[in-house]
Protein backbone atom coordinates (compact mmCIF):
# COMPACT_ATOMS: atom_id res chain seq x y z
CA UNK A 1 0.00 0.00 0.00
CA UNK A 2 1.38 3.39 -1.02
CA UNK A 3 0.53 6.48 1.05
CA UNK A 4 1.47 10.04 0.21
CA UNK A 5 1.14 13.15 2.33
CA UNK A 6 1.65 16.71 1.15
CA UNK A 7 1.51 19.88 3.28
CA UNK A 8 1.96 23.55 2.37
CA UNK A 9 2.04 26.49 4.77
CA UNK A 10 1.85 30.23 4.13
CA UNK A 11 4.00 31.90 6.77
CA UNK A 12 4.51 35.52 7.75
CA UNK A 13 7.30 37.00 9.82
CA UNK A 14 5.98 39.83 11.99
CA UNK A 15 8.11 42.44 13.73
CA UNK A 16 7.40 42.37 17.47
CA UNK A 17 8.30 46.09 17.65
CA UNK A 18 5.89 47.36 15.00
CA UNK A 19 3.45 44.50 14.44
CA UNK A 20 4.10 44.82 10.72
CA UNK A 21 4.76 41.95 8.35
CA UNK A 22 8.45 42.01 7.48
CA UNK A 23 8.50 38.87 5.36
CA UNK A 24 6.41 36.04 4.04
CA UNK A 25 7.05 32.75 2.31
CA UNK A 26 5.56 29.38 1.50
CA UNK A 27 6.89 26.24 3.11
CA UNK A 28 6.05 22.76 1.91
CA UNK A 29 6.73 19.13 2.67
CA UNK A 30 5.97 15.80 1.06
CA UNK A 31 6.30 12.25 2.26
CA UNK A 32 5.59 8.94 0.57
CA UNK A 33 5.72 5.51 2.13
CA UNK A 34 5.06 2.02 0.94
CA UNK A 35 3.97 -0.81 3.15
CA UNK A 36 3.08 -4.43 2.62
CA UNK A 37 0.46 -4.17 5.37
CA UNK A 38 -3.03 -2.77 5.03
CA UNK A 39 -2.52 -0.23 7.84
CA UNK A 40 -5.40 -1.74 9.80
CA UNK A 41 -5.32 -1.92 13.57
CA UNK A 42 -7.17 -3.90 16.16
CA UNK A 43 -8.21 -2.06 19.35
CA UNK A 44 -5.75 0.74 18.56
CA UNK A 45 -2.77 -1.62 18.40
CA UNK A 46 -0.78 -2.07 15.22
CA UNK A 47 -1.03 -0.39 11.88
CA UNK A 48 0.99 2.64 13.01
CA UNK A 49 -2.09 4.83 13.20
CA UNK A 50 -0.47 7.68 15.19
CA UNK A 51 -0.48 11.01 13.32
CA UNK A 52 3.26 11.54 13.74
CA UNK A 53 3.99 8.23 11.99
CA UNK A 54 1.49 8.86 9.19
CA UNK A 55 2.41 10.20 5.77
CA UNK A 56 0.59 13.44 6.58
CA UNK A 57 2.41 13.70 9.92
CA UNK A 58 5.77 13.15 8.23
CA UNK A 59 4.91 15.69 5.52
CA UNK A 60 4.00 18.20 8.26
CA UNK A 61 7.37 17.61 9.87
CA UNK A 62 9.11 18.15 6.54
CA UNK A 63 7.16 21.40 5.97
CA UNK A 64 8.08 22.68 9.44
CA UNK A 65 11.74 21.80 8.87
CA UNK A 66 11.58 23.70 5.57
CA UNK A 67 10.02 26.71 7.35
CA UNK A 68 12.75 26.79 10.00
CA UNK A 69 15.41 26.48 7.30
CA UNK A 70 13.91 29.42 5.38
CA UNK A 71 13.61 31.63 8.48
CA UNK A 72 17.20 30.83 9.45
CA UNK A 73 18.47 31.56 5.94
CA UNK A 74 16.58 34.86 5.90
CA UNK A 75 17.98 35.88 9.30
CA UNK A 76 21.54 34.98 8.31
CA UNK A 77 21.14 36.99 5.10
CA UNK A 78 19.79 40.02 6.99
CA UNK A 79 22.60 39.83 9.56
CA UNK A 80 25.16 39.59 6.76
CA UNK A 81 23.64 42.61 4.98
CA UNK A 82 23.75 44.62 8.22
CA UNK A 83 27.37 43.77 8.98
CA UNK A 84 28.42 44.66 5.42
CA UNK A 85 26.69 48.03 5.78
CA UNK A 86 28.51 48.73 9.03
CA UNK A 87 31.97 47.91 7.65
CA UNK A 88 31.56 49.13 4.09
């Protein structure tokens, strides 16, 4: 059985000083898994039915990781631009 999860998030970075949007971007994640089992469970046991282990849960994790990566890249870029302005 093949299961695919896909998640997209629209994110905005808001300045805590002004309350204004200072940036926005889209983050996304995708996860596909294949299993020989049907994914069925009996009395909540088996089948890996927890959200975190599901394709959608894994896609959500990938989208959040992508969001953190983008925020970090943006911050590093802004810090680099500021330091170049101070020395140049």
